[in-house]
C-alpha atoms as a PDB file:
ATOM      1  CA  MET A   1     -35.051   3.411  -8.605  1.00  0.00           C
ATOM      2  CA  ALA A   2     -31.656   1.396  -7.948  1.00  0.00           C
ATOM      3  CA  HIS A   3     -28.120   2.822  -8.452  1.00  0.00           C
ATOM      4  CA  ALA A   4     -24.756   1.544  -9.301  1.00  0.00           C
ATOM      5  CA  ILE A   5     -21.316   2.289 -10.461  1.00  0.00           C
ATOM      6  CA  VAL A   6     -21.026   2.023 -14.178  1.00  0.00           C
ATOM      7  CA  VAL A   7     -17.794   1.732 -15.991  1.00  0.00           C
ATOM      8  CA  ASN A   8     -18.274   3.094 -19.573  1.00  0.00           C
ATOM      9  CA  GLU A   9     -14.865   2.657 -20.774  1.00  0.00           C
ATOM     10  CA  VAL A  10     -11.975   1.267 -19.028  1.00  0.00           C
ATOM     11  CA  GLY A  11      -9.194   3.859 -17.347  1.00  0.00           C
ATOM     12  CA  GLY A  12      -8.568   5.423 -14.085  1.00  0.00           C
ATOM     13  CA  PRO A  13     -10.884   6.057 -11.184  1.00  0.00           C
ATOM     14  CA  ASP A  14     -12.595   8.657 -12.935  1.00  0.00           C
ATOM     15  CA  VAL A  15     -14.264   6.092 -14.963  1.00  0.00           C
ATOM     16  CA  LEU A  16     -16.476   4.912 -12.234  1.00  0.00           C
ATOM     17  CA  LYS A  17     -19.751   6.798 -12.341  1.00  0.00           C
ATOM     18  CA  TRP A  18     -22.673   6.607 -10.347  1.00  0.00           C
ATOM     19  CA  GLN A  19     -26.111   6.085 -12.522  1.00  0.00           C
ATOM     20  CA  GLU A  20     -29.703   5.031 -12.165  1.00  0.00           C
ATOM     21  CA  VAL A  21     -30.090   1.550 -13.203  1.00  0.00           C
ATOM     22  CA  GLU A  22     -32.717  -0.711 -13.874  1.00  0.00           C
ATOM     23  CA  VAL A  23     -32.838  -4.104 -12.344  1.00  0.00           C
ATOM     24  CA  GLY A  24     -35.849  -6.000 -13.294  1.00  0.00           C
ATOM     25  CA  GLU A  25     -36.687  -9.596 -11.857  1.00  0.00           C
ATOM     26  CA  PRO A  26     -34.629 -12.800 -11.720  1.00  0.00           C
ATOM     27  CA  GLY A  27     -34.508 -15.298 -14.084  1.00  0.00           C
ATOM     28  CA  THR A  28     -34.132 -19.212 -13.608  1.00  0.00           C
ATOM     29  CA  GLY A  29     -31.440 -19.871 -11.063  1.00  0.00           C
ATOM     30  CA  GLU A  30     -31.294 -16.402 -10.084  1.00  0.00           C
ATOM     31  CA  VAL A  31     -31.969 -14.043  -6.983  1.00  0.00           C
ATOM     32  CA  LYS A  32     -32.495 -10.474  -6.724  1.00  0.00           C
ATOM     33  CA  ILE A  33     -30.675  -8.870  -3.855  1.00  0.00           C
ATOM     34  CA  ARG A  34     -30.541  -5.530  -1.845  1.00  0.00           C
ATOM     35  CA  HIS A  35     -27.234  -4.822  -0.766  1.00  0.00           C
ATOM     36  CA  HIS A  36     -26.471  -3.729   2.734  1.00  0.00           C
ATOM     37  CA  ALA A  37     -22.688  -3.542   2.159  1.00  0.00           C
ATOM     38  CA  VAL A  38     -20.116  -3.969  -0.643  1.00  0.00           C
ATOM     39  CA  GLY A  39     -16.631  -5.076  -0.573  1.00  0.00           C
ATOM     40  CA  LEU A  40     -13.618  -3.276  -2.198  1.00  0.00           C
ATOM     41  CA  ASN A  41     -11.036  -5.600  -3.442  1.00  0.00           C
ATOM     42  CA  TYR A  42      -7.854  -4.930  -5.680  1.00  0.00           C
ATOM     43  CA  ILE A  43      -9.220  -7.073  -8.226  1.00  0.00           C
ATOM     44  CA  ASP A  44     -11.953  -4.286  -8.852  1.00  0.00           C
ATOM     45  CA  VAL A  45      -8.974  -2.177 -10.070  1.00  0.00           C
ATOM     46  CA  TYR A  46      -7.935  -4.829 -12.478  1.00  0.00           C
ATOM     47  CA  PHE A  47     -11.357  -4.853 -14.283  1.00  0.00           C
ATOM     48  CA  ARG A  48     -11.622  -0.983 -13.971  1.00  0.00           C
ATOM     49  CA  THR A  49      -8.529  -0.418 -15.819  1.00  0.00           C
ATOM     50  CA  GLY A  50      -8.947  -3.282 -18.295  1.00  0.00           C
ATOM     51  CA  ALA A  51      -5.994  -5.328 -16.780  1.00  0.00           C
ATOM     52  CA  TYR A  52      -8.996  -8.298 -16.556  1.00  0.00           C
ATOM     53  CA  PRO A  53     -11.367  -7.868 -19.394  1.00  0.00           C
ATOM     54  CA  ALA A  54     -14.876  -7.609 -18.361  1.00  0.00           C
ATOM     55  CA  ALA A  55     -17.217  -9.773 -20.466  1.00  0.00           C
ATOM     56  CA  ALA A  56     -18.675  -6.498 -21.897  1.00  0.00           C
ATOM     57  CA  VAL A  57     -18.759  -2.729 -21.583  1.00  0.00           C
ATOM     58  CA  PRO A  58     -20.277  -0.727 -20.088  1.00  0.00           C
ATOM     59  CA  PHE A  59     -20.396  -2.978 -16.943  1.00  0.00           C
ATOM     60  CA  THR A  60     -20.709  -2.531 -12.973  1.00  0.00           C
ATOM     61  CA  PRO A  61     -17.636  -3.524 -11.021  1.00  0.00           C
ATOM     62  CA  GLY A  62     -17.251  -5.346  -7.889  1.00  0.00           C
ATOM     63  CA  MET A  63     -16.894  -8.899  -6.878  1.00  0.00           C
ATOM     64  CA  GLU A  64     -18.482  -9.326  -3.259  1.00  0.00           C
ATOM     65  CA  ALA A  65     -21.276  -8.104  -1.173  1.00  0.00           C
ATOM     66  CA  ALA A  66     -23.850  -8.842   1.549  1.00  0.00           C
ATOM     67  CA  GLY A  67     -27.385  -8.008   1.524  1.00  0.00           C
ATOM     68  CA  GLU A  68     -30.855  -9.649   1.673  1.00  0.00           C
ATOM     69  CA  VAL A  69     -32.832 -11.759  -0.952  1.00  0.00           C
ATOM     70  CA  LEU A  70     -35.823  -9.777  -2.436  1.00  0.00           C
ATOM     71  CA  ALA A  71     -36.894 -12.409  -4.858  1.00  0.00           C
ATOM     72  CA  VAL A  72     -35.925 -15.627  -6.245  1.00  0.00           C
ATOM     73  CA  GLY A  73     -36.194 -16.844  -9.953  1.00  0.00           C
ATOM     74  CA  ALA A  74     -37.551 -20.152 -11.024  1.00  0.00           C
ATOM     75  CA  ASP A  75     -35.740 -23.754  -9.896  1.00  0.00           C
ATOM     76  CA  VAL A  76     -34.026 -21.829  -6.930  1.00  0.00           C
ATOM     77  CA  ASP A  77     -34.808 -23.871  -3.736  1.00  0.00           C
ATOM     78  CA  ILE A  78     -31.668 -23.070  -1.680  1.00  0.00           C
ATOM     79  CA  LEU A  79     -32.724 -19.311  -0.688  1.00  0.00           C
ATOM     80  CA  LYS A  80     -35.954 -17.503  -0.233  1.00  0.00           C
ATOM     81  CA  PRO A  81     -36.993 -13.849   0.129  1.00  0.00           C
ATOM     82  CA  GLY A  82     -35.572 -12.379   3.534  1.00  0.00           C
ATOM     83  CA  ASP A  83     -32.634 -14.755   3.601  1.00  0.00           C
ATOM     84  CA  ARG A  84     -29.348 -12.955   4.585  1.00  0.00           C
ATOM     85  CA  VAL A  85     -26.874 -13.713   2.090  1.00  0.00           C
ATOM     86  CA  ALA A  86     -22.985 -12.959   1.331  1.00  0.00           C
ATOM     87  CA  TYR A  87     -21.032 -13.664  -1.796  1.00  0.00           C
ATOM     88  CA  ALA A  88     -18.150 -13.368  -3.875  1.00  0.00           C
ATOM     89  CA  GLY A  89     -17.189 -13.637  -7.486  1.00  0.00           C
ATOM     90  CA  ALA A  90     -20.341 -12.540  -8.903  1.00  0.00           C
ATOM     91  CA  ILE A  91     -19.253  -9.314 -10.870  1.00  0.00           C
ATOM     92  CA  GLY A  92     -21.247  -6.299 -10.495  1.00  0.00           C
ATOM     93  CA  SER A  93     -21.689  -5.911  -7.076  1.00  0.00           C
ATOM     94  CA  TYR A  94     -21.400  -1.806  -6.851  1.00  0.00           C
ATOM     95  CA  ALA A  95     -25.229  -1.504  -6.933  1.00  0.00           C
ATOM     96  CA  THR A  96     -27.908  -0.974  -4.622  1.00  0.00           C
ATOM     97  CA  GLU A  97     -29.591  -3.937  -5.960  1.00  0.00           C
ATOM     98  CA  ARG A  98     -28.880  -6.546  -8.374  1.00  0.00           C
ATOM     99  CA  ILE A  99     -29.591  -9.956 -10.157  1.00  0.00           C
ATOM    100  CA  ALA A 100     -27.168 -12.534  -9.409  1.00  0.00           C
ATOM    101  CA  PRO A 101     -26.794 -16.321  -9.747  1.00  0.00           C
ATOM    102  CA  ALA A 102     -28.164 -18.050  -6.602  1.00  0.00           C
ATOM    103  CA  ASP A 103     -25.618 -20.732  -6.591  1.00  0.00           C
ATOM    104  CA  LYS A 104     -22.874 -18.147  -5.735  1.00  0.00           C
ATOM    105  CA  MET A 105     -24.685 -17.027  -2.674  1.00  0.00           C
ATOM    106  CA  VAL A 106     -24.291 -18.506   0.998  1.00  0.00           C
ATOM    107  CA  LYS A 107     -26.364 -17.777   3.705  1.00  0.00           C
ATOM    108  CA  LEU A 108     -24.599 -15.293   6.475  1.00  0.00           C
ATOM    109  CA  PRO A 109     -24.999 -16.407  10.031  1.00  0.00           C
ATOM    110  CA  GLY A 110     -26.635 -14.490  12.492  1.00  0.00           C
ATOM    111  CA  ALA A 111     -23.614 -13.676  14.416  1.00  0.00           C
ATOM    112  CA  ILE A 112     -22.064 -11.839  11.381  1.00  0.00           C
ATOM    113  CA  SER A 113     -23.080  -8.604  10.422  1.00  0.00           C
ATOM    114  CA  TYR A 114     -23.745  -7.453   6.556  1.00  0.00           C
ATOM    115  CA  GLU A 115     -20.739  -5.157   6.915  1.00  0.00           C
ATOM    116  CA  GLN A 116     -18.398  -7.959   8.065  1.00  0.00           C
ATOM    117  CA  GLY A 117     -19.834 -10.240   5.309  1.00  0.00           C
ATOM    118  CA  ALA A 118     -19.024  -7.634   2.832  1.00  0.00           C
ATOM    119  CA  ALA A 119     -15.591  -7.190   3.976  1.00  0.00           C
ATOM    120  CA  MET A 120     -14.578 -11.014   4.330  1.00  0.00           C
ATOM    121  CA  MET A 121     -16.165 -12.990   1.536  1.00  0.00           C
ATOM    122  CA  LEU A 122     -13.297 -12.573  -1.284  1.00  0.00           C
ATOM    123  CA  GLN A 123     -10.421 -11.817   1.031  1.00  0.00           C
ATOM    124  CA  GLY A 124     -11.476 -14.283   3.614  1.00  0.00           C
ATOM    125  CA  MET A 125     -12.048 -17.316   1.361  1.00  0.00           C
ATOM    126  CA  THR A 126      -8.747 -16.349  -0.329  1.00  0.00           C
ATOM    127  CA  THR A 127      -7.101 -16.583   2.515  1.00  0.00           C
ATOM    128  CA  ARG A 128      -8.628 -20.107   3.356  1.00  0.00           C
ATOM    129  CA  TYR A 129      -7.714 -21.246   0.161  1.00  0.00           C
ATOM    130  CA  LEU A 130      -4.113 -20.051   0.323  1.00  0.00           C
ATOM    131  CA  LEU A 131      -3.693 -21.359   4.048  1.00  0.00           C
ATOM    132  CA  ARG A 132      -5.476 -24.561   3.628  1.00  0.00           C
ATOM    133  CA  LYS A 133      -5.431 -25.657  -0.018  1.00  0.00           C
ATOM    134  CA  THR A 134      -2.662 -24.302  -1.944  1.00  0.00           C
ATOM    135  CA  TYR A 135      -0.086 -24.811   0.887  1.00  0.00           C
ATOM    136  CA  ASN A 136      -1.483 -26.660   4.054  1.00  0.00           C
ATOM    137  CA  VAL A 137      -0.101 -24.378   6.795  1.00  0.00           C
ATOM    138  CA  THR A 138       0.608 -26.065  10.021  1.00  0.00           C
ATOM    139  CA  SER A 139       2.790 -25.242  13.404  1.00  0.00           C
ATOM    140  CA  ASP A 140       5.820 -26.433  11.399  1.00  0.00           C
ATOM    141  CA  THR A 141       5.429 -23.959   8.688  1.00  0.00           C
ATOM    142  CA  THR A 142       7.521 -20.988   8.233  1.00  0.00           C
ATOM    143  CA  LEU A 143       5.859 -18.593   5.566  1.00  0.00           C
ATOM    144  CA  LEU A 144       6.482 -15.179   4.005  1.00  0.00           C
ATOM    145  CA  PHE A 145       3.362 -13.105   3.342  1.00  0.00           C
ATOM    146  CA  HIS A 146       4.010  -9.714   1.203  1.00  0.00           C
ATOM    147  CA  ALA A 147       1.695  -6.823   2.284  1.00  0.00           C
ATOM    148  CA  ALA A 148       1.123  -8.195   5.347  1.00  0.00           C
ATOM    149  CA  ALA A 149      -0.918  -5.391   6.529  1.00  0.00           C
ATOM    150  CA  GLY A 150      -3.275  -5.479   3.416  1.00  0.00           C
ATOM    151  CA  GLY A 151      -6.669  -6.800   3.336  1.00  0.00           C
ATOM    152  CA  VAL A 152      -5.829 -10.553   2.877  1.00  0.00           C
ATOM    153  CA  GLY A 153      -2.637 -10.279   4.759  1.00  0.00           C
ATOM    154  CA  LEU A 154      -4.184  -8.956   8.018  1.00  0.00           C
ATOM    155  CA  LEU A 155      -6.514 -12.110   7.675  1.00  0.00           C
ATOM    156  CA  ALA A 156      -3.694 -14.323   6.843  1.00  0.00           C
ATOM    157  CA  CYS A 157      -1.407 -13.267   9.658  1.00  0.00           C
ATOM    158  CA  GLN A 158      -4.735 -14.190  12.281  1.00  0.00           C
ATOM    159  CA  TRP A 159      -5.324 -17.169  10.684  1.00  0.00           C
ATOM    160  CA  ALA A 160      -1.818 -18.496  10.105  1.00  0.00           C
ATOM    161  CA  ALA A 161      -0.916 -17.673  13.925  1.00  0.00           C
ATOM    162  CA  HIS A 162      -3.948 -19.621  14.813  1.00  0.00           C
ATOM    163  CA  LEU A 163      -2.609 -22.635  13.147  1.00  0.00           C
ATOM    164  CA  GLY A 164       0.936 -22.188  15.048  1.00  0.00           C
ATOM    165  CA  ALA A 165       2.723 -20.926  12.083  1.00  0.00           C
ATOM    166  CA  THR A 166       5.936 -18.865  12.069  1.00  0.00           C
ATOM    167  CA  ILE A 167       5.027 -15.809  10.023  1.00  0.00           C
ATOM    168  CA  ILE A 168       7.412 -13.104   7.999  1.00  0.00           C
ATOM    169  CA  GLY A 169       5.289 -10.156   6.557  1.00  0.00           C
ATOM    170  CA  THR A 170       6.774  -7.308   4.378  1.00  0.00           C
ATOM    171  CA  VAL A 171       4.940  -4.037   5.091  1.00  0.00           C
ATOM    172  CA  GLY A 172       5.560  -0.433   3.800  1.00  0.00           C
ATOM    173  CA  SER A 173       5.728   1.732   7.333  1.00  0.00           C
ATOM    174  CA  GLU A 174       6.206   1.347  10.949  1.00  0.00           C
ATOM    175  CA  GLU A 175       2.448   1.982  11.176  1.00  0.00           C
ATOM    176  CA  LYS A 176       1.703  -0.993   9.081  1.00  0.00           C
ATOM    177  CA  ALA A 177       4.398  -3.459  10.715  1.00  0.00           C
ATOM    178  CA  GLN A 178       2.597  -2.615  14.078  1.00  0.00           C
ATOM    179  CA  LEU A 179      -0.814  -3.505  12.559  1.00  0.00           C
ATOM    180  CA  ALA A 180       0.715  -6.778  11.258  1.00  0.00           C
ATOM    181  CA  LYS A 181       2.012  -7.862  14.692  1.00  0.00           C
ATOM    182  CA  GLU A 182      -0.985  -7.065  16.505  1.00  0.00           C
ATOM    183  CA  ASN A 183      -2.827  -9.448  14.066  1.00  0.00           C
ATOM    184  CA  GLY A 184      -0.393 -12.246  14.528  1.00  0.00           C
ATOM    185  CA  CYS A 185       2.587 -11.680  12.316  1.00  0.00           C
ATOM    186  CA  THR A 186       5.989 -12.931  13.699  1.00  0.00           C
ATOM    187  CA  HIS A 187       8.355 -10.841  12.344  1.00  0.00           C
ATOM    188  CA  THR A 188       7.962  -7.739   9.654  1.00  0.00           C
ATOM    189  CA  ILE A 189      10.166  -6.410   7.201  1.00  0.00           C
ATOM    190  CA  LEU A 190       9.999  -2.959   6.101  1.00  0.00           C
ATOM    191  CA  TYR A 191      10.469  -3.621   2.523  1.00  0.00           C
ATOM    192  CA  ARG A 192      11.448   0.225   1.607  1.00  0.00           C
ATOM    193  CA  GLU A 193      14.414   0.106   4.011  1.00  0.00           C
ATOM    194  CA  GLU A 194      15.555  -3.485   4.088  1.00  0.00           C
ATOM    195  CA  ASN A 195      16.462  -6.222   1.840  1.00  0.00           C
ATOM    196  CA  PHE A 196      13.517  -8.684   2.044  1.00  0.00           C
ATOM    197  CA  VAL A 197      15.562 -11.503   0.878  1.00  0.00           C
ATOM    198  CA  GLU A 198      18.582 -10.984   3.469  1.00  0.00           C
ATOM    199  CA  ARG A 199      16.135 -10.440   6.289  1.00  0.00           C
ATOM    200  CA  VAL A 200      14.360 -13.452   5.578  1.00  0.00           C
ATOM    201  CA  LYS A 201      17.778 -15.491   5.647  1.00  0.00           C
ATOM    202  CA  GLU A 202      18.753 -13.911   8.815  1.00  0.00           C
ATOM    203  CA  LEU A 203      15.161 -14.594  10.560  1.00  0.00           C
ATOM    204  CA  THR A 204      15.537 -18.347   9.233  1.00  0.00           C
ATOM    205  CA  ASN A 205      19.201 -18.920  10.039  1.00  0.00           C
ATOM    206  CA  GLY A 206      19.790 -19.129   6.239  1.00  0.00           C
ATOM    207  CA  GLU A 207      17.097 -21.749   5.704  1.00  0.00           C
ATOM    208  CA  GLY A 208      14.457 -19.828   4.070  1.00  0.00           C
ATOM    209  CA  VAL A 209      10.761 -20.395   4.329  1.00  0.00           C
ATOM    210  CA  ASP A 210       8.591 -23.281   3.107  1.00  0.00           C
ATOM    211  CA  VAL A 211       5.935 -20.812   1.029  1.00  0.00           C
ATOM    212  CA  VAL A 212       5.739 -17.534   0.028  1.00  0.00           C
ATOM    213  CA  TYR A 213       2.539 -15.649  -0.622  1.00  0.00           C
ATOM    214  CA  ASP A 214       3.042 -13.125  -3.295  1.00  0.00           C
ATOM    215  CA  ALA A 215       0.361 -10.682  -4.279  1.00  0.00           C
ATOM    216  CA  ILE A 216       2.724  -7.774  -5.498  1.00  0.00           C
ATOM    217  CA  GLY A 217       4.091  -9.221  -8.627  1.00  0.00           C
ATOM    218  CA  LYS A 218       6.632  -7.301 -10.703  1.00  0.00           C
ATOM    219  CA  ASP A 219       8.422  -5.746  -7.711  1.00  0.00           C
ATOM    220  CA  THR A 220       8.895  -8.886  -5.661  1.00  0.00           C
ATOM    221  CA  PHE A 221       9.995 -11.082  -8.554  1.00  0.00           C
ATOM    222  CA  PRO A 222      12.230 -13.232  -8.713  1.00  0.00           C
ATOM    223  CA  SER A 223      13.389 -12.017  -5.165  1.00  0.00           C
ATOM    224  CA  SER A 224      10.558 -14.118  -3.684  1.00  0.00           C
ATOM    225  CA  LEU A 225      11.947 -17.178  -5.108  1.00  0.00           C
ATOM    226  CA  ASP A 226      15.457 -16.482  -3.110  1.00  0.00           C
ATOM    227  CA  CYS A 227      13.431 -16.544  -0.024  1.00  0.00           C
ATOM    228  CA  LEU A 228      12.402 -20.254  -0.400  1.00  0.00           C
ATOM    229  CA  LYS A 229      13.786 -23.299   1.048  1.00  0.00           C
ATOM    230  CA  PRO A 230      14.758 -26.544  -1.702  1.00  0.00           C
ATOM    231  CA  PHE A 231      11.154 -27.598  -2.725  1.00  0.00           C
ATOM    232  CA  GLY A 232       9.518 -24.480  -1.492  1.00  0.00           C
ATOM    233  CA  LEU A 233       6.281 -23.158  -3.097  1.00  0.00           C
ATOM    234  CA  TRP A 234       6.061 -19.702  -4.587  1.00  0.00           C
ATOM    235  CA  ALA A 235       2.188 -18.862  -4.662  1.00  0.00           C
ATOM    236  CA  SER A 236       1.568 -15.767  -6.952  1.00  0.00           C
ATOM    237  CA  PHE A 237      -1.971 -14.410  -6.433  1.00  0.00           C
ATOM    238  CA  GLY A 238      -2.165 -10.823  -7.685  1.00  0.00           C
ATOM    239  CA  ALA A 239      -0.004  -8.421  -9.225  1.00  0.00           C
ATOM    240  CA  SER A 240      -0.559  -4.896  -7.631  1.00  0.00           C
ATOM    241  CA  SER A 241       2.837  -3.674  -8.651  1.00  0.00           C
ATOM    242  CA  GLY A 242       2.201  -4.828 -12.359  1.00  0.00           C
ATOM    243  CA  PRO A 243       2.484  -8.524 -14.028  1.00  0.00           C
ATOM    244  CA  ILE A 244       5.451 -10.708 -14.117  1.00  0.00           C
ATOM    245  CA  GLU A 245       6.038 -11.057 -17.729  1.00  0.00           C
ATOM    246  CA  ASP A 246       8.224 -13.629 -19.354  1.00  0.00           C
ATOM    247  CA  PHE A 247       8.232 -16.258 -16.555  1.00  0.00           C
ATOM    248  CA  ASN A 248      10.999 -18.558 -17.167  1.00  0.00           C
ATOM    249  CA  ILE A 249      10.309 -21.672 -15.594  1.00  0.00           C
ATOM    250  CA  GLY A 250      13.972 -23.137 -15.746  1.00  0.00           C
ATOM    251  CA  ILE A 251      14.829 -20.680 -12.949  1.00  0.00           C
ATOM    252  CA  LEU A 252      12.962 -22.997 -10.529  1.00  0.00           C
ATOM    253  CA  ALA A 253      15.612 -25.799 -10.920  1.00  0.00           C
ATOM    254  CA  PRO A 254      18.710 -23.884  -9.578  1.00  0.00           C
ATOM    255  CA  LYS A 255      16.927 -22.026  -6.898  1.00  0.00           C
ATOM    256  CA  GLY A 256      16.151 -25.301  -5.248  1.00  0.00           C
ATOM    257  CA  SER A 257      13.854 -27.636  -7.393  1.00  0.00           C
ATOM    258  CA  LEU A 258      10.806 -25.046  -6.447  1.00  0.00           C
ATOM    259  CA  TYR A 259       7.132 -25.207  -7.155  1.00  0.00           C
ATOM    260  CA  ALA A 260       5.243 -22.202  -8.332  1.00  0.00           C
ATOM    261  CA  THR A 261       1.484 -21.475  -8.792  1.00  0.00           C
ATOM    262  CA  ARG A 262      -0.638 -18.848  -9.909  1.00  0.00           C
ATOM    263  CA  PRO A 263      -3.987 -19.918  -7.927  1.00  0.00           C
ATOM    264  CA  THR A 264      -6.925 -18.162  -7.957  1.00  0.00           C
ATOM    265  CA  LEU A 265     -10.204 -18.290  -5.810  1.00  0.00           C
ATOM    266  CA  PHE A 266     -12.936 -18.835  -8.411  1.00  0.00           C
ATOM    267  CA  THR A 267     -11.173 -22.218  -9.327  1.00  0.00           C
ATOM    268  CA  TYR A 268     -11.338 -23.134  -5.652  1.00  0.00           C
ATOM    269  CA  VAL A 269     -14.801 -22.263  -5.176  1.00  0.00           C
ATOM    270  CA  ASN A 270     -16.298 -22.875  -8.384  1.00  0.00           C
ATOM    271  CA  LYS A 271     -18.137 -26.232  -7.295  1.00  0.00           C
ATOM    272  CA  ARG A 272     -20.917 -25.505  -5.124  1.00  0.00           C
ATOM    273  CA  GLU A 273     -19.684 -27.823  -2.635  1.00  0.00           C
ATOM    274  CA  ASP A 274     -16.182 -26.336  -2.598  1.00  0.00           C
ATOM    275  CA  LEU A 275     -18.008 -22.999  -2.004  1.00  0.00           C
ATOM    276  CA  LEU A 276     -19.918 -23.897   1.092  1.00  0.00           C
ATOM    277  CA  GLU A 277     -16.905 -25.943   2.508  1.00  0.00           C
ATOM    278  CA  THR A 278     -14.735 -22.670   2.146  1.00  0.00           C
ATOM    279  CA  ALA A 279     -17.310 -20.279   3.152  1.00  0.00           C
ATOM    280  CA  GLN A 280     -18.055 -22.630   6.163  1.00  0.00           C
ATOM    281  CA  ASP A 281     -14.480 -22.734   7.298  1.00  0.00           C
ATOM    282  CA  LEU A 282     -14.014 -19.252   7.210  1.00  0.00           C
ATOM    283  CA  PHE A 283     -17.511 -18.617   9.129  1.00  0.00           C
ATOM    284  CA  ASP A 284     -16.149 -21.147  11.790  1.00  0.00           C
ATOM    285  CA  VAL A 285     -12.773 -19.068  12.706  1.00  0.00           C
ATOM    286  CA  VAL A 286     -14.566 -15.797  12.481  1.00  0.00           C
ATOM    287  CA  GLU A 287     -17.367 -16.917  15.012  1.00  0.00           C
ATOM    288  CA  GLN A 288     -14.722 -18.956  17.216  1.00  0.00           C
ATOM    289  CA  GLY A 289     -12.948 -15.427  17.531  1.00  0.00           C
ATOM    290  CA  HIS A 290      -9.646 -16.739  15.780  1.00  0.00           C
ATOM    291  CA  VAL A 291     -10.046 -14.363  12.843  1.00  0.00           C
ATOM    292  CA  LYS A 292     -11.533 -11.083  13.434  1.00  0.00           C
ATOM    293  CA  ILE A 293     -12.915  -8.962  10.522  1.00  0.00           C
ATOM    294  CA  THR A 294     -11.506  -5.368  10.966  1.00  0.00           C
ATOM    295  CA  ILE A 295     -13.103  -2.575   8.658  1.00  0.00           C
ATOM    296  CA  ASN A 296     -10.466   0.197   8.817  1.00  0.00           C
ATOM    297  CA  GLN A 297     -12.219   2.183   5.957  1.00  0.00           C
ATOM    298  CA  THR A 298     -15.803   2.920   4.705  1.00  0.00           C
ATOM    299  CA  TYR A 299     -16.853   4.849   1.755  1.00  0.00           C
ATOM    300  CA  ASP A 300     -20.124   5.928   0.323  1.00  0.00           C
ATOM    301  CA  LEU A 301     -20.782   3.365  -2.700  1.00  0.00           C
ATOM    302  CA  LYS A 302     -21.336   6.597  -4.848  1.00  0.00           C
ATOM    303  CA  ASP A 303     -17.681   7.670  -3.839  1.00  0.00           C
ATOM    304  CA  ALA A 304     -16.114   4.338  -5.144  1.00  0.00           C
ATOM    305  CA  ALA A 305     -13.645   6.402  -7.314  1.00  0.00           C
ATOM    306  CA  GLN A 306     -11.953   7.897  -4.172  1.00  0.00           C
ATOM    307  CA  ALA A 307     -11.832   4.508  -2.655  1.00  0.00           C
ATOM    308  CA  HIS A 308     -10.004   3.289  -5.531  1.00  0.00           C
ATOM    309  CA  ARG A 309      -7.610   6.066  -5.251  1.00  0.00           C
ATOM    310  CA  ASP A 310      -6.650   5.503  -1.704  1.00  0.00           C
ATOM    311  CA  LEU A 311      -6.411   1.711  -2.477  1.00  0.00           C
ATOM    312  CA  GLU A 312      -4.028   2.024  -5.346  1.00  0.00           C
ATOM    313  CA  ALA A 313      -1.909   4.737  -3.256  1.00  0.00           C
ATOM    314  CA  ARG A 314      -1.763   1.981  -0.452  1.00  0.00           C
ATOM    315  CA  LYS A 315      -3.421   4.260   1.918  1.00  0.00           C
ATOM    316  CA  THR A 316      -5.719   1.702   3.019  1.00  0.00           C
ATOM    317  CA  THR A 317      -5.252  -1.248   5.565  1.00  0.00           C
ATOM    318  CA  GLY A 318      -7.313  -4.451   6.258  1.00  0.00           C
ATOM    319  CA  SER A 319     -10.894  -4.437   4.867  1.00  0.00           C
ATOM    320  CA  THR A 320     -12.653  -1.714   3.140  1.00  0.00           C
ATOM    321  CA  ILE A 321     -16.188  -1.578   2.382  1.00  0.00           C
ATOM    322  CA  LEU A 322     -18.655   0.482   0.285  1.00  0.00           C
ATOM    323  CA  ILE A 323     -22.009   1.675   1.844  1.00  0.00           C
ATOM    324  CA  PRO A 324     -25.001   1.883  -0.829  1.00  0.00           C
END
């Protein structure tokens, strides 16, 4: 019998319940997958709390995993039973087995393990669109990345360093500062002890940065805007400290004719050709050794509630996976 984490009502970590579930067989355009590893991401918290409403309740959370195809439904010609696959974006990954849309799957290269696959898809593809699409980072770029020792942060530090950028990262402790630097971050700012706007100005000789990547939200706004050069871009891609409310677009003018965007991975990989391009770019930098996937925490899938507690308490660094 398959098992899954089920949310019967939104709320705190304790609403994550380990239950037996009936999986069934794949329908048209679907595949049945046995998960070998499941990724943990902050978006899972948003769904658990109801900040992002699920299509229906009860539901199984989780946005990424890696595993093997057990069966394919009608009209599926891109995969076959036995294929190693990984995905990000199809909610319901906190399960031992599941049915999922075939067109959300990508084949996992042989050199990449199931554990790495589960740890890298959502955060890695997020890093890719942020650095290559939302703003095209080059060796001429100076950027500010909030939570540089987080899951996306550590990947972004490595990838941006590979691209030759100057990276300023905010972190919460000396240990996290060291971790960020080991992963390519040029300068770190201890946000609990230092004013990050003042430090950014010092580090850039008063100029500011080209782009700010901000998944913190409430606590870093509007200060993030004050770190930018004229015509700079603020990319708000998360809200771990709470949502930004009542955003007044008029403040962008006096702060330097700034640009602001709220991107999401699922727009960037909505078309299959974009998904395949994004995933391939990610696989390439990992296989070439430019970006290393470091799994710093592992939990049993049935212990997802504790994983959520640790994630929300900012006790985790880098990638975290859940093992069915």
